[in-house]
Amino acid sequence: MSISGVGSRNTYIYNSQTGKLSSKDGQKDDFVDYFNGDINGDESDTLNGFDRARKADIENLIETWTQFDRNLLNDPAREEYEITTEIVDAVTSTVQVDGDKIFTCYSGGFFTHIDASLLFHREGPFLTHEHKDYDPSDNSVNIAVGDVFDLGNGCRLRVGEDQVYGEGYGNKNEENDERLMALAWGLGALIHFAEGQWSGVMLEMGDKMASESGRSDMLGGTTPMLLELLRQLGVDTDREFILNGTKCEVRNEKIREVGDKWGVARSVRNEAIRKYEEEMLRPLSERK
């Protein structure tokens, strides 16, 4: 058998009476022997962490559907079913029965490779230095270092190298000052988020700060102000949009990256998944 990894797709025959797997082509397969308990895993150099996860995925499928839908693997007119597994990426896999996708499985093991201090944000300068006006063809825009936004009330936002600066404080308008402060922090968080340095969770920090200031009714939190700013730039926030190269959406009134299942900053997530994949590729024979 080949070494399992991202992109591997395998089909087996499952006998519901014996609870055993067999290879579809009838050839010897170490994973089949491993699943059936004929070998313990460390006796083969071809089996690795992905195979251990696949075994657990199939067992979970069988156990779950035995409990909640006895019809799935208990057709009285048959004993054998096709079970197909596919490793989509290092943390996502699917299990199918007779060609129909039943399970999408997500592994939380990659969290062990995340430094807790970097879970939601990573320090660093802004990465986008090329401004791009709104493009209606893909609902996209770039907010870049050097951009200046006139708020129309004597205040401006200026994107610096690593933070957004509010300009125009002290006009004897406390409400404008607080809005400017909240929006400057929020826009900086939004840029870091779109560049994969901060988690979307950090965007709610501005909402929390507004609430703790006792002025949440007036401010409404930073997220509504950020959405209004994006709309003023032309962005349709009611559908998917692209900000600084990242596909975003508004879910439950929160700005999130499309497809993000983990809530972890993308740069941190990608590094953790890379380390996790390296760990999963280690043969089970090395895990004694």
C-alpha atoms as a PDB file:
ATOM      1  CA  MET A   1       0.000   0.000   0.000  1.00  0.00           C
ATOM      2  CA  SER A   2       1.113   3.598  -0.527  1.00  0.00           C
ATOM      3  CA  ILE A   3       1.987   5.951   2.313  1.00  0.00           C
ATOM      4  CA  SER A   4      -1.064   7.893   3.472  1.00  0.00           C
ATOM      5  CA  GLY A   5      -0.982  11.670   3.258  1.00  0.00           C
ATOM      6  CA  VAL A   6      -2.974  14.700   2.155  1.00  0.00           C
ATOM      7  CA  GLY A   7      -5.006  13.734  -0.916  1.00  0.00           C
ATOM      8  CA  SER A   8      -5.066   9.993  -0.170  1.00  0.00           C
ATOM      9  CA  ARG A   9      -8.331   8.315  -1.126  1.00  0.00           C
ATOM     10  CA  ASN A  10      -8.980   4.666  -0.280  1.00  0.00           C
ATOM     11  CA  THR A  11     -11.985   2.388  -0.695  1.00  0.00           C
ATOM     12  CA  TYR A  12     -12.619  -0.738   1.382  1.00  0.00           C
ATOM     13  CA  ILE A  13     -15.339  -3.339   1.755  1.00  0.00           C
ATOM     14  CA  TYR A  14     -16.925  -3.442   5.200  1.00  0.00           C
ATOM     15  CA  ASN A  15     -18.740  -6.576   6.338  1.00  0.00           C
ATOM     16  CA  SER A  16     -21.457  -5.577   8.785  1.00  0.00           C
ATOM     17  CA  GLN A  17     -21.736  -9.140  10.145  1.00  0.00           C
ATOM     18  CA  THR A  18     -18.061  -9.615  11.013  1.00  0.00           C
ATOM     19  CA  GLY A  19     -17.180  -5.956  11.579  1.00  0.00           C
ATOM     20  CA  LYS A  20     -14.119  -6.481   9.381  1.00  0.00           C
ATOM     21  CA  LEU A  21     -12.664  -4.584   6.441  1.00  0.00           C
ATOM     22  CA  SER A  22     -11.201  -6.063   3.273  1.00  0.00           C
ATOM     23  CA  SER A  23      -9.436  -4.368   0.394  1.00  0.00           C
ATOM     24  CA  LYS A  24     -11.617  -3.722  -2.634  1.00  0.00           C
ATOM     25  CA  ASP A  25      -9.153  -5.373  -5.029  1.00  0.00           C
ATOM     26  CA  GLY A  26      -8.507  -8.334  -2.731  1.00  0.00           C
ATOM     27  CA  GLN A  27      -4.825  -7.456  -2.335  1.00  0.00           C
ATOM     28  CA  LYS A  28      -2.998  -7.486   0.990  1.00  0.00           C
ATOM     29  CA  ASP A  29      -3.296  -4.132   2.713  1.00  0.00           C
ATOM     30  CA  ASP A  30      -1.576  -3.213   5.988  1.00  0.00           C
ATOM     31  CA  PHE A  31      -4.354  -0.774   6.869  1.00  0.00           C
ATOM     32  CA  VAL A  32      -6.933  -3.556   6.577  1.00  0.00           C
ATOM     33  CA  ASP A  33      -4.865  -5.757   8.890  1.00  0.00           C
ATOM     34  CA  TYR A  34      -4.432  -2.811  11.267  1.00  0.00           C
ATOM     35  CA  PHE A  35      -8.165  -2.021  11.322  1.00  0.00           C
ATOM     36  CA  ASN A  36      -9.085  -5.693  11.836  1.00  0.00           C
ATOM     37  CA  GLY A  37      -6.650  -6.024  14.741  1.00  0.00           C
ATOM     38  CA  ASP A  38      -4.306  -8.461  12.981  1.00  0.00           C
ATOM     39  CA  ILE A  39      -1.374  -6.079  13.500  1.00  0.00           C
ATOM     40  CA  ASN A  40      -1.015  -3.320  16.059  1.00  0.00           C
ATOM     41  CA  GLY A  41       0.360  -0.653  13.721  1.00  0.00           C
ATOM     42  CA  ASP A  42       3.969  -0.455  14.812  1.00  0.00           C
ATOM     43  CA  GLU A  43       4.716  -3.649  12.889  1.00  0.00           C
ATOM     44  CA  SER A  44       4.478  -1.814   9.551  1.00  0.00           C
ATOM     45  CA  ASP A  45       6.590   1.033   8.191  1.00  0.00           C
ATOM     46  CA  THR A  46       3.808   1.979   5.758  1.00  0.00           C
ATOM     47  CA  LEU A  47       1.295   2.985   8.451  1.00  0.00           C
ATOM     48  CA  ASN A  48       1.396   6.463   9.942  1.00  0.00           C
ATOM     49  CA  GLY A  49      -0.648   8.926  11.967  1.00  0.00           C
ATOM     50  CA  PHE A  50      -3.062   9.522   9.103  1.00  0.00           C
ATOM     51  CA  ASP A  51      -3.902   5.807   9.168  1.00  0.00           C
ATOM     52  CA  ARG A  52      -4.507   5.916  12.897  1.00  0.00           C
ATOM     53  CA  ALA A  53      -6.907   8.827  12.320  1.00  0.00           C
ATOM     54  CA  ARG A  54      -8.628   7.011   9.429  1.00  0.00           C
ATOM     55  CA  LYS A  55      -9.188   3.966  11.621  1.00  0.00           C
ATOM     56  CA  ALA A  56     -10.807   6.162  14.271  1.00  0.00           C
ATOM     57  CA  ASP A  57     -12.958   7.937  11.662  1.00  0.00           C
ATOM     58  CA  ILE A  58     -14.377   4.655  10.313  1.00  0.00           C
ATOM     59  CA  GLU A  59     -14.954   3.288  13.813  1.00  0.00           C
ATOM     60  CA  ASN A  60     -16.747   6.510  14.794  1.00  0.00           C
ATOM     61  CA  LEU A  61     -18.916   6.300  11.675  1.00  0.00           C
ATOM     62  CA  ILE A  62     -19.930   2.718  12.441  1.00  0.00           C
ATOM     63  CA  GLU A  63     -20.540   3.398  16.139  1.00  0.00           C
ATOM     64  CA  THR A  64     -22.544   6.567  15.523  1.00  0.00           C
ATOM     65  CA  TRP A  65     -24.802   5.099  12.880  1.00  0.00           C
ATOM     66  CA  THR A  66     -25.309   1.886  14.835  1.00  0.00           C
ATOM     67  CA  GLN A  67     -26.709   4.012  17.633  1.00  0.00           C
ATOM     68  CA  PHE A  68     -28.706   6.594  15.674  1.00  0.00           C
ATOM     69  CA  ASP A  69     -29.602   5.036  12.330  1.00  0.00           C
ATOM     70  CA  ARG A  70     -29.539   1.255  12.353  1.00  0.00           C
ATOM     71  CA  ASN A  71     -30.711   1.169   8.725  1.00  0.00           C
ATOM     72  CA  LEU A  72     -27.449   2.530   7.317  1.00  0.00           C
ATOM     73  CA  LEU A  73     -25.268  -0.549   7.791  1.00  0.00           C
ATOM     74  CA  ASN A  74     -28.008  -3.074   8.556  1.00  0.00           C
ATOM     75  CA  ASP A  75     -29.766  -3.804   5.299  1.00  0.00           C
ATOM     76  CA  PRO A  76     -31.075  -7.395   5.778  1.00  0.00           C
ATOM     77  CA  ALA A  77     -30.551  -8.055   2.066  1.00  0.00           C
ATOM     78  CA  ARG A  78     -26.814  -7.410   2.167  1.00  0.00           C
ATOM     79  CA  GLU A  79     -23.730  -7.752   4.337  1.00  0.00           C
ATOM     80  CA  GLU A  80     -21.098  -5.718   2.493  1.00  0.00           C
ATOM     81  CA  TYR A  81     -20.784  -1.964   2.042  1.00  0.00           C
ATOM     82  CA  GLU A  82     -18.202   0.232   0.347  1.00  0.00           C
ATOM     83  CA  ILE A  83     -16.476   2.641   2.709  1.00  0.00           C
ATOM     84  CA  THR A  84     -14.290   5.337   1.163  1.00  0.00           C
ATOM     85  CA  THR A  85     -11.987   7.620   3.131  1.00  0.00           C
ATOM     86  CA  GLU A  86     -10.342  10.762   1.799  1.00  0.00           C
ATOM     87  CA  ILE A  87      -7.736  12.948   3.511  1.00  0.00           C
ATOM     88  CA  VAL A  88      -8.687  16.459   2.406  1.00  0.00           C
ATOM     89  CA  ASP A  89      -5.912  18.207   4.324  1.00  0.00           C
ATOM     90  CA  ALA A  90      -3.922  17.618   7.483  1.00  0.00           C
ATOM     91  CA  VAL A  91      -6.926  18.346   9.718  1.00  0.00           C
ATOM     92  CA  THR A  92      -9.935  17.446   7.542  1.00  0.00           C
ATOM     93  CA  SER A  93     -11.084  14.091   6.188  1.00  0.00           C
ATOM     94  CA  THR A  94     -14.290  12.556   4.869  1.00  0.00           C
ATOM     95  CA  VAL A  95     -15.855   9.110   5.127  1.00  0.00           C
ATOM     96  CA  GLN A  96     -18.357   7.843   2.556  1.00  0.00           C
ATOM     97  CA  VAL A  97     -20.636   4.814   2.463  1.00  0.00           C
ATOM     98  CA  ASP A  98     -21.475   3.544  -1.028  1.00  0.00           C
ATOM     99  CA  GLY A  99     -20.332   6.834  -2.527  1.00  0.00           C
ATOM    100  CA  ASP A 100     -22.437   9.117  -0.325  1.00  0.00           C
ATOM    101  CA  LYS A 101     -20.549  11.438   2.015  1.00  0.00           C
ATOM    102  CA  ILE A 102     -21.594  10.717   5.566  1.00  0.00           C
ATOM    103  CA  PHE A 103     -18.934  12.283   7.757  1.00  0.00           C
ATOM    104  CA  THR A 104     -16.648  15.261   7.498  1.00  0.00           C
ATOM    105  CA  CYS A 105     -14.105  14.864  10.281  1.00  0.00           C
ATOM    106  CA  TYR A 106     -12.019  17.654  11.805  1.00  0.00           C
ATOM    107  CA  SER A 107      -8.987  16.916  13.931  1.00  0.00           C
ATOM    108  CA  GLY A 108      -8.259  19.138  16.888  1.00  0.00           C
ATOM    109  CA  GLY A 109      -4.813  17.586  17.310  1.00  0.00           C
ATOM    110  CA  PHE A 110      -3.127  20.445  15.521  1.00  0.00           C
ATOM    111  CA  PHE A 111      -3.974  22.709  18.475  1.00  0.00           C
ATOM    112  CA  THR A 112      -1.156  21.019  20.407  1.00  0.00           C
ATOM    113  CA  HIS A 113       1.251  22.700  17.979  1.00  0.00           C
ATOM    114  CA  ILE A 114      -0.019  26.214  18.703  1.00  0.00           C
ATOM    115  CA  ASP A 115       1.812  28.494  21.094  1.00  0.00           C
ATOM    116  CA  ALA A 116      -0.971  29.709  23.397  1.00  0.00           C
ATOM    117  CA  SER A 117       0.506  33.224  23.370  1.00  0.00           C
ATOM    118  CA  LEU A 118      -0.074  33.344  19.573  1.00  0.00           C
ATOM    119  CA  LEU A 119      -3.513  31.761  19.561  1.00  0.00           C
ATOM    120  CA  PHE A 120      -5.408  34.892  18.520  1.00  0.00           C
ATOM    121  CA  HIS A 121      -2.768  37.313  17.304  1.00  0.00           C
ATOM    122  CA  ARG A 122       0.826  37.656  16.180  1.00  0.00           C
ATOM    123  CA  GLU A 123       2.724  40.920  16.450  1.00  0.00           C
ATOM    124  CA  GLY A 124       4.191  42.477  13.347  1.00  0.00           C
ATOM    125  CA  PRO A 125       3.831  45.272  10.795  1.00  0.00           C
ATOM    126  CA  PHE A 126       1.110  45.468   8.184  1.00  0.00           C
ATOM    127  CA  LEU A 127       1.902  43.462   5.064  1.00  0.00           C
ATOM    128  CA  THR A 128      -0.168  45.272   2.416  1.00  0.00           C
ATOM    129  CA  HIS A 129       1.618  48.216   0.801  1.00  0.00           C
ATOM    130  CA  GLU A 130      -0.295  48.338  -2.486  1.00  0.00           C
ATOM    131  CA  HIS A 131      -3.582  50.241  -2.399  1.00  0.00           C
ATOM    132  CA  LYS A 132      -6.401  48.901  -4.555  1.00  0.00           C
ATOM    133  CA  ASP A 133      -9.691  50.674  -5.102  1.00  0.00           C
ATOM    134  CA  TYR A 134     -12.914  48.720  -4.902  1.00  0.00           C
ATOM    135  CA  ASP A 135     -13.292  46.167  -7.699  1.00  0.00           C
ATOM    136  CA  PRO A 136     -16.958  45.229  -8.240  1.00  0.00           C
ATOM    137  CA  SER A 137     -16.016  42.167 -10.316  1.00  0.00           C
ATOM    138  CA  ASP A 138     -15.003  40.263  -7.184  1.00  0.00           C
ATOM    139  CA  ASN A 139     -16.226  42.631  -4.447  1.00  0.00           C
ATOM    140  CA  SER A 140     -12.642  43.306  -3.350  1.00  0.00           C
ATOM    141  CA  VAL A 141     -10.560  46.144  -1.971  1.00  0.00           C
ATOM    142  CA  ASN A 142      -7.102  46.641  -0.449  1.00  0.00           C
ATOM    143  CA  ILE A 143      -6.441  48.833   2.576  1.00  0.00           C
ATOM    144  CA  ALA A 144      -2.717  49.533   2.525  1.00  0.00           C
ATOM    145  CA  VAL A 145       0.006  51.305   4.445  1.00  0.00           C
ATOM    146  CA  GLY A 146      -0.252  55.023   3.656  1.00  0.00           C
ATOM    147  CA  ASP A 147      -4.022  55.064   3.049  1.00  0.00           C
ATOM    148  CA  VAL A 148      -5.894  57.988   4.595  1.00  0.00           C
ATOM    149  CA  PHE A 149      -9.640  58.049   5.267  1.00  0.00           C
ATOM    150  CA  ASP A 150     -11.425  61.362   5.819  1.00  0.00           C
ATOM    151  CA  LEU A 151     -14.313  60.736   8.204  1.00  0.00           C
ATOM    152  CA  GLY A 152     -15.958  64.028   7.258  1.00  0.00           C
ATOM    153  CA  ASN A 153     -16.103  65.458  10.775  1.00  0.00           C
ATOM    154  CA  GLY A 154     -12.643  66.972  11.015  1.00  0.00           C
ATOM    155  CA  CYS A 155     -11.160  63.551  11.807  1.00  0.00           C
ATOM    156  CA  ARG A 156      -9.074  61.206   9.661  1.00  0.00           C
ATOM    157  CA  LEU A 157      -7.656  57.717   9.842  1.00  0.00           C
ATOM    158  CA  ARG A 158      -4.114  57.155   8.591  1.00  0.00           C
ATOM    159  CA  VAL A 159      -2.700  53.660   8.082  1.00  0.00           C
ATOM    160  CA  GLY A 160       0.853  53.561   9.415  1.00  0.00           C
ATOM    161  CA  GLU A 161       3.414  50.774   9.182  1.00  0.00           C
ATOM    162  CA  ASP A 162       1.986  48.747  12.056  1.00  0.00           C
ATOM    163  CA  GLN A 163      -1.072  50.573  13.374  1.00  0.00           C
ATOM    164  CA  VAL A 164      -3.818  52.967  12.355  1.00  0.00           C
ATOM    165  CA  TYR A 165      -3.621  56.517  13.689  1.00  0.00           C
ATOM    166  CA  GLY A 166      -6.564  58.762  14.417  1.00  0.00           C
ATOM    167  CA  GLU A 167      -6.043  62.412  13.533  1.00  0.00           C
ATOM    168  CA  GLY A 168      -8.268  65.289  14.663  1.00  0.00           C
ATOM    169  CA  TYR A 169      -8.682  64.659  18.374  1.00  0.00           C
ATOM    170  CA  GLY A 170      -9.477  67.457  20.763  1.00  0.00           C
ATOM    171  CA  ASN A 171     -12.206  69.351  18.887  1.00  0.00           C
ATOM    172  CA  LYS A 172     -14.241  69.556  22.091  1.00  0.00           C
ATOM    173  CA  ASN A 173     -16.382  66.654  20.937  1.00  0.00           C
ATOM    174  CA  GLU A 174     -15.969  63.694  23.262  1.00  0.00           C
ATOM    175  CA  GLU A 175     -18.225  61.485  21.151  1.00  0.00           C
ATOM    176  CA  ASN A 176     -16.119  62.045  18.012  1.00  0.00           C
ATOM    177  CA  ASP A 177     -12.926  61.398  19.982  1.00  0.00           C
ATOM    178  CA  GLU A 178     -14.219  58.086  21.335  1.00  0.00           C
ATOM    179  CA  ARG A 179     -15.467  56.998  17.936  1.00  0.00           C
ATOM    180  CA  LEU A 180     -12.143  57.897  16.355  1.00  0.00           C
ATOM    181  CA  MET A 181     -10.203  55.974  18.998  1.00  0.00           C
ATOM    182  CA  ALA A 182     -12.401  52.889  18.642  1.00  0.00           C
ATOM    183  CA  LEU A 183     -12.385  52.981  14.841  1.00  0.00           C
ATOM    184  CA  ALA A 184      -8.590  53.457  14.646  1.00  0.00           C
ATOM    185  CA  TRP A 185      -8.036  50.381  16.814  1.00  0.00           C
ATOM    186  CA  GLY A 186     -10.700  48.412  14.977  1.00  0.00           C
ATOM    187  CA  LEU A 187      -9.367  49.214  11.499  1.00  0.00           C
ATOM    188  CA  GLY A 188      -5.883  48.155  12.590  1.00  0.00           C
ATOM    189  CA  ALA A 189      -7.315  44.874  13.905  1.00  0.00           C
ATOM    190  CA  LEU A 190      -9.252  44.397  10.658  1.00  0.00           C
ATOM    191  CA  ILE A 191      -6.113  44.818   8.530  1.00  0.00           C
ATOM    192  CA  HIS A 192      -4.140  42.402  10.727  1.00  0.00           C
ATOM    193  CA  PHE A 193      -7.053  39.946  10.468  1.00  0.00           C
ATOM    194  CA  ALA A 194      -7.259  40.226   6.673  1.00  0.00           C
ATOM    195  CA  GLU A 195      -3.517  39.640   6.445  1.00  0.00           C
ATOM    196  CA  GLY A 196      -3.744  36.480   8.538  1.00  0.00           C
ATOM    197  CA  GLN A 197      -1.902  37.833  11.567  1.00  0.00           C
ATOM    198  CA  TRP A 198      -4.898  38.157  13.905  1.00  0.00           C
ATOM    199  CA  SER A 199      -7.940  36.009  14.518  1.00  0.00           C
ATOM    200  CA  GLY A 200     -11.390  37.399  13.785  1.00  0.00           C
ATOM    201  CA  VAL A 201     -12.014  37.042  17.508  1.00  0.00           C
ATOM    202  CA  MET A 202      -9.747  40.065  18.031  1.00  0.00           C
ATOM    203  CA  LEU A 203     -12.211  42.254  16.155  1.00  0.00           C
ATOM    204  CA  GLU A 204     -14.617  41.864  19.060  1.00  0.00           C
ATOM    205  CA  MET A 205     -12.037  43.331  21.416  1.00  0.00           C
ATOM    206  CA  GLY A 206     -13.062  46.779  20.182  1.00  0.00           C
ATOM    207  CA  ASP A 207     -16.694  45.955  20.913  1.00  0.00           C
ATOM    208  CA  LYS A 208     -15.673  44.845  24.402  1.00  0.00           C
ATOM    209  CA  MET A 209     -13.683  48.025  24.998  1.00  0.00           C
ATOM    210  CA  ALA A 210     -16.665  50.111  23.912  1.00  0.00           C
ATOM    211  CA  SER A 211     -18.913  48.216  26.303  1.00  0.00           C
ATOM    212  CA  GLU A 212     -16.480  48.577  29.206  1.00  0.00           C
ATOM    213  CA  SER A 213     -16.212  52.318  28.551  1.00  0.00           C
ATOM    214  CA  GLY A 214     -19.891  52.649  29.385  1.00  0.00           C
ATOM    215  CA  ARG A 215     -20.546  54.180  25.964  1.00  0.00           C
ATOM    216  CA  SER A 216     -21.581  51.043  24.066  1.00  0.00           C
ATOM    217  CA  ASP A 217     -25.038  52.436  23.277  1.00  0.00           C
ATOM    218  CA  MET A 218     -23.438  55.448  21.629  1.00  0.00           C
ATOM    219  CA  LEU A 219     -20.599  53.643  19.897  1.00  0.00           C
ATOM    220  CA  GLY A 220     -22.464  50.512  18.904  1.00  0.00           C
ATOM    221  CA  GLY A 221     -19.154  48.667  18.998  1.00  0.00           C
ATOM    222  CA  THR A 222     -16.380  48.786  16.421  1.00  0.00           C
ATOM    223  CA  THR A 223     -17.736  46.087  14.087  1.00  0.00           C
ATOM    224  CA  PRO A 224     -20.722  48.139  12.849  1.00  0.00           C
ATOM    225  CA  MET A 225     -18.388  51.096  12.241  1.00  0.00           C
ATOM    226  CA  LEU A 226     -15.959  48.881  10.314  1.00  0.00           C
ATOM    227  CA  LEU A 227     -18.783  47.504   8.181  1.00  0.00           C
ATOM    228  CA  GLU A 228     -19.980  51.036   7.476  1.00  0.00           C
ATOM    229  CA  LEU A 229     -16.439  52.064   6.475  1.00  0.00           C
ATOM    230  CA  LEU A 230     -16.200  49.089   4.113  1.00  0.00           C
ATOM    231  CA  ARG A 231     -19.565  49.984   2.574  1.00  0.00           C
ATOM    232  CA  GLN A 232     -18.358  53.539   2.018  1.00  0.00           C
ATOM    233  CA  LEU A 233     -15.431  52.054   0.091  1.00  0.00           C
ATOM    234  CA  GLY A 234     -17.961  50.263  -2.118  1.00  0.00           C
ATOM    235  CA  VAL A 235     -17.860  46.810  -0.531  1.00  0.00           C
ATOM    236  CA  ASP A 236     -21.089  44.833  -0.437  1.00  0.00           C
ATOM    237  CA  THR A 237     -20.871  43.346   3.049  1.00  0.00           C
ATOM    238  CA  ASP A 238     -24.096  41.373   2.586  1.00  0.00           C
ATOM    239  CA  ARG A 239     -22.170  38.828   0.516  1.00  0.00           C
ATOM    240  CA  GLU A 240     -18.638  37.427   0.427  1.00  0.00           C
ATOM    241  CA  PHE A 241     -15.992  40.074  -0.106  1.00  0.00           C
ATOM    242  CA  ILE A 242     -12.213  40.099  -0.446  1.00  0.00           C
ATOM    243  CA  LEU A 243     -10.161  42.341   1.816  1.00  0.00           C
ATOM    244  CA  ASN A 244      -6.391  42.451   1.321  1.00  0.00           C
ATOM    245  CA  GLY A 245      -6.557  39.133  -0.490  1.00  0.00           C
ATOM    246  CA  THR A 246      -8.627  37.322   2.140  1.00  0.00           C
ATOM    247  CA  LYS A 247     -12.146  36.116   1.378  1.00  0.00           C
ATOM    248  CA  CYS A 248     -14.406  37.364   4.164  1.00  0.00           C
ATOM    249  CA  GLU A 249     -18.048  37.191   5.163  1.00  0.00           C
ATOM    250  CA  VAL A 250     -20.305  38.531   7.896  1.00  0.00           C
ATOM    251  CA  ARG A 251     -21.616  35.709  10.086  1.00  0.00           C
ATOM    252  CA  ASN A 252     -23.877  36.490  13.030  1.00  0.00           C
ATOM    253  CA  GLU A 253     -22.943  40.177  12.677  1.00  0.00           C
ATOM    254  CA  LYS A 254     -19.232  39.315  12.980  1.00  0.00           C
ATOM    255  CA  ILE A 255     -16.554  39.576  10.296  1.00  0.00           C
ATOM    256  CA  ARG A 256     -14.978  36.189   9.642  1.00  0.00           C
ATOM    257  CA  GLU A 257     -12.747  34.485   7.094  1.00  0.00           C
ATOM    258  CA  VAL A 258     -14.708  32.295   4.702  1.00  0.00           C
ATOM    259  CA  GLY A 259     -14.146  28.625   5.503  1.00  0.00           C
ATOM    260  CA  ASP A 260     -12.406  29.235   8.837  1.00  0.00           C
ATOM    261  CA  LYS A 261     -13.474  26.471  11.247  1.00  0.00           C
ATOM    262  CA  TRP A 262     -10.964  27.140  13.991  1.00  0.00           C
ATOM    263  CA  GLY A 263     -11.011  30.836  14.948  1.00  0.00           C
ATOM    264  CA  VAL A 264      -7.209  30.951  15.004  1.00  0.00           C
ATOM    265  CA  ALA A 265      -5.074  33.544  13.216  1.00  0.00           C
ATOM    266  CA  ARG A 266      -4.367  32.152   9.742  1.00  0.00           C
ATOM    267  CA  SER A 267      -0.554  32.470   9.901  1.00  0.00           C
ATOM    268  CA  VAL A 268      -0.560  30.687  13.266  1.00  0.00           C
ATOM    269  CA  ARG A 269      -3.047  28.098  12.020  1.00  0.00           C
ATOM    270  CA  ASN A 270      -1.046  27.322   8.878  1.00  0.00           C
ATOM    271  CA  GLU A 271       2.180  26.891  10.833  1.00  0.00           C
ATOM    272  CA  ALA A 272       0.443  24.605  13.337  1.00  0.00           C
ATOM    273  CA  ILE A 273      -1.133  22.524  10.554  1.00  0.00           C
ATOM    274  CA  ARG A 274       2.272  22.187   8.859  1.00  0.00           C
ATOM    275  CA  LYS A 275       3.792  20.868  12.094  1.00  0.00           C
ATOM    276  CA  TYR A 276       0.791  18.595  12.646  1.00  0.00           C
ATOM    277  CA  GLU A 277       1.101  17.142   9.143  1.00  0.00           C
ATOM    278  CA  GLU A 278       4.786  16.389   9.750  1.00  0.00           C
ATOM    279  CA  GLU A 279       3.805  14.598  12.950  1.00  0.00           C
ATOM    280  CA  MET A 280       1.035  12.637  11.233  1.00  0.00           C
ATOM    281  CA  LEU A 281       3.425  11.456   8.506  1.00  0.00           C
ATOM    282  CA  ARG A 282       5.662   9.765  11.054  1.00  0.00           C
ATOM    283  CA  PRO A 283       5.348   5.951  10.765  1.00  0.00           C
ATOM    284  CA  LEU A 284       3.519   4.274  13.627  1.00  0.00           C
ATOM    285  CA  SER A 285       6.600   2.072  14.007  1.00  0.00           C
ATOM    286  CA  GLU A 286       8.449   5.157  15.330  1.00  0.00           C
ATOM    287  CA  ARG A 287       5.833   5.800  18.015  1.00  0.00           C
ATOM    288  CA  LYS A 288       6.753   2.962  20.359  1.00  0.00           C
END
